[in-house]
Amino acid sequence: MINLIGTYECKADAKGRVSLSVAFKKQLAAVLQDGFVIKRSIFESCLELFPMKEWNELSRDVNNLNRFSRDNNAFIRKFNASVKMVELDASGRFLLPKDLMAYAGLDKEVVLSSAGNMIEIWDKEKYEKSLEEDVNDPFADLAERVMSNKKTDGDVS
């Protein structure tokens, strides 16, 4: 399991490309070639960038949920909404999809912040505000009910 460390400010160019910091590139060197998955955050107004290996492990847990539960079905659908694969270009940049940029309110000033096995991608102003306040919405409540039951051995209730 990857455990990323650091928070870095950067700029998105006019096309929505962001350079992965040198520090993150070093920490992710063994998995850079595998690509990444980017998605909406459940609890915050930001994006989450997962190395493919970490995404596959998380997806395994989600795919093990009982599909005969309405909550589980709703969670799976919303969890996978707008999920996209991204890769680094030759310059070490990745493209932020326009729909995800709009969701997170990203413009030019961006913060890449480690969050365990993934990187959160924030609008700089929102990031600063998030450090001081909680975000609460119905999907966040649903995600908490569904995913907080995860047992330590990898099984999901």
Protein backbone atom coordinates (compact mmCIF):
# COMPACT_ATOMS: atom_id res chain seq x y z
CA MET A 1 0.00 0.00 0.00
CA ILE A 2 1.21 3.47 -0.88
CA ASN A 3 1.30 6.14 1.83
CA LEU A 4 1.82 9.51 0.19
CA ILE A 5 3.22 12.52 2.01
CA GLY A 6 3.02 16.22 1.18
CA THR A 7 0.91 19.14 0.02
CA TYR A 8 1.93 21.15 -3.03
CA GLU A 9 0.53 24.20 -4.79
CA CYS A 10 0.56 24.29 -8.58
CA LYS A 11 -1.21 25.85 -11.54
CA ALA A 12 -3.54 24.30 -14.07
CA ASP A 13 -2.87 25.51 -17.62
CA ALA A 14 -5.60 26.67 -20.03
CA LYS A 15 -6.30 23.07 -21.11
CA GLY A 16 -6.59 21.82 -17.52
CA ARG A 17 -3.20 20.13 -17.36
CA VAL A 18 -1.49 19.92 -13.97
CA SER A 19 2.08 18.88 -13.27
CA LEU A 20 2.55 16.24 -10.64
CA SER A 21 5.09 17.56 -8.12
CA VAL A 22 8.60 16.11 -8.16
CA ALA A 23 8.07 14.82 -4.62
CA PHE A 24 4.95 12.89 -5.64
CA LYS A 25 6.69 11.55 -8.75
CA LYS A 26 9.46 10.16 -6.55
CA GLN A 27 6.98 8.58 -4.13
CA LEU A 28 5.00 7.07 -7.03
CA ALA A 29 7.97 6.08 -9.23
CA ALA A 30 7.17 2.35 -9.08
CA VAL A 31 3.57 2.83 -10.29
CA LEU A 32 3.64 5.89 -12.58
CA GLN A 33 3.53 3.76 -15.74
CA ASP A 34 0.30 2.06 -14.59
CA GLY A 35 -1.72 5.29 -14.76
CA PHE A 36 -4.25 6.77 -12.40
CA VAL A 37 -7.97 7.05 -11.76
CA ILE A 38 -9.50 10.41 -10.95
CA LYS A 39 -12.91 10.84 -9.34
CA ARG A 40 -15.12 13.12 -7.31
CA SER A 41 -14.51 13.10 -3.59
CA ILE A 42 -17.36 11.78 -1.46
CA PHE A 43 -16.99 14.08 1.52
CA GLU A 44 -15.31 17.19 0.10
CA SER A 45 -15.56 19.51 -2.90
CA CYS A 46 -12.35 18.20 -4.47
CA LEU A 47 -11.08 15.43 -6.72
CA GLU A 48 -9.21 12.25 -5.78
CA LEU A 49 -6.33 10.87 -7.82
CA PHE A 50 -5.62 7.19 -7.18
CA PRO A 51 -2.66 5.20 -8.49
CA MET A 52 -4.19 2.34 -10.50
CA LYS A 53 -3.07 -0.31 -7.98
CA GLU A 54 -4.76 1.55 -5.12
CA TRP A 55 -7.90 2.09 -7.22
CA ASN A 56 -8.10 -1.62 -8.01
CA GLU A 57 -7.95 -2.48 -4.29
CA LEU A 58 -10.67 0.03 -3.45
CA SER A 59 -12.81 -1.17 -6.37
CA ARG A 60 -12.53 -4.73 -5.10
CA ASP A 61 -14.10 -3.65 -1.81
CA VAL A 62 -16.88 -1.75 -3.58
CA ASN A 63 -17.55 -4.64 -5.97
CA ASN A 64 -17.96 -6.99 -2.99
CA LEU A 65 -20.95 -5.04 -1.70
CA ASN A 66 -24.29 -6.85 -1.75
CA ARG A 67 -26.09 -5.57 -4.88
CA PHE A 68 -29.47 -6.60 -3.39
CA SER A 69 -29.29 -3.63 -1.03
CA ARG A 70 -30.74 -0.35 -2.35
CA ASP A 71 -28.21 1.65 -0.33
CA ASN A 72 -25.36 -0.39 -1.78
CA ASN A 73 -26.66 0.03 -5.35
CA ALA A 74 -27.07 3.78 -4.90
CA PHE A 75 -23.61 4.00 -3.38
CA ILE A 76 -21.96 2.01 -6.20
CA ARG A 77 -23.65 4.14 -8.87
CA LYS A 78 -22.70 7.45 -7.24
CA PHE A 79 -19.23 6.25 -6.28
CA ASN A 80 -18.44 5.45 -9.90
CA ALA A 81 -20.06 8.58 -11.37
CA SER A 82 -17.55 10.55 -13.45
CA VAL A 83 -14.65 8.18 -12.71
CA LYS A 84 -11.97 8.54 -15.39
CA MET A 85 -8.55 7.11 -16.16
CA VAL A 86 -5.64 9.55 -16.57
CA GLU A 87 -1.99 9.16 -17.46
CA LEU A 88 1.04 11.38 -17.13
CA ASP A 89 2.35 12.86 -20.37
CA ALA A 90 6.06 13.07 -21.26
CA SER A 91 6.30 16.29 -19.21
CA GLY A 92 4.83 14.70 -16.07
CA ARG A 93 1.44 16.39 -16.46
CA PHE A 94 -2.05 14.93 -16.30
CA LEU A 95 -5.23 16.34 -17.78
CA LEU A 96 -8.07 17.25 -15.44
CA PRO A 97 -11.36 16.34 -17.17
CA LYS A 98 -13.54 19.44 -17.70
CA ASP A 99 -16.58 17.96 -15.92
CA LEU A 100 -14.49 17.12 -12.86
CA MET A 101 -12.85 20.55 -12.89
CA ALA A 102 -16.32 22.11 -12.85
CA TYR A 103 -17.44 19.82 -10.01
CA ALA A 104 -14.45 20.79 -7.83
CA GLY A 105 -14.48 24.45 -8.89
CA LEU A 106 -10.91 24.21 -10.15
CA ASP A 107 -9.41 27.06 -12.10
CA LYS A 108 -5.73 28.02 -12.14
CA GLU A 109 -4.60 27.82 -8.51
CA VAL A 110 -4.61 24.15 -7.46
CA VAL A 111 -3.46 22.26 -4.38
CA LEU A 112 -2.33 18.62 -4.54
CA SER A 113 -2.59 17.17 -1.05
CA SER A 114 -1.65 13.68 0.07
CA ALA A 115 -4.43 11.68 1.68
CA GLY A 116 -2.94 8.29 2.48
CA ASN A 117 -2.98 6.21 -0.70
CA MET A 118 -4.28 8.97 -2.98
CA ILE A 119 -3.91 12.65 -3.80
CA GLU A 120 -6.68 15.16 -3.27
CA ILE A 121 -6.90 17.91 -5.90
CA TRP A 122 -8.35 21.16 -4.58
CA ASP A 123 -9.05 24.71 -5.64
CA LYS A 124 -6.59 26.64 -3.47
CA GLU A 125 -9.21 28.82 -1.75
CA LYS A 126 -11.51 25.86 -1.08
CA TYR A 127 -8.61 23.88 0.34
CA GLU A 128 -7.82 26.61 2.85
CA LYS A 129 -11.50 26.83 3.86
CA SER A 130 -11.80 23.03 4.13
CA LEU A 131 -9.16 22.96 6.80
CA GLU A 132 -11.56 24.95 8.99
CA GLU A 133 -15.00 23.48 8.22
CA ASP A 134 -16.84 20.21 7.64
CA VAL A 135 -18.80 19.41 4.48
CA ASN A 136 -22.01 17.45 4.95
CA ASP A 137 -24.30 16.14 2.20
CA PRO A 138 -26.65 13.19 1.72
CA PHE A 139 -24.17 11.18 -0.38
CA ALA A 140 -21.51 11.64 2.28
CA ASP A 141 -23.94 10.22 4.83
CA LEU A 142 -24.74 7.30 2.54
CA ALA A 143 -21.05 6.59 1.91
CA GLU A 144 -20.36 6.63 5.61
CA ARG A 145 -23.20 4.14 6.32
CA VAL A 146 -22.12 1.79 3.53
CA MET A 147 -18.33 1.90 3.72
CA SER A 148 -17.84 2.33 7.47
CA ASN A 149 -18.88 -1.32 7.88
CA LYS A 150 -15.70 -2.51 6.20
CA LYS A 151 -14.01 -5.15 8.33
CA THR A 152 -10.26 -5.18 8.85
CA ASP A 153 -9.78 -8.43 6.93
CA GLY A 154 -11.03 -6.85 3.68
CA ASP A 155 -14.59 -8.21 3.88
CA VAL A 156 -17.50 -5.81 3.56
CA SER A 157 -20.76 -6.34 5.44
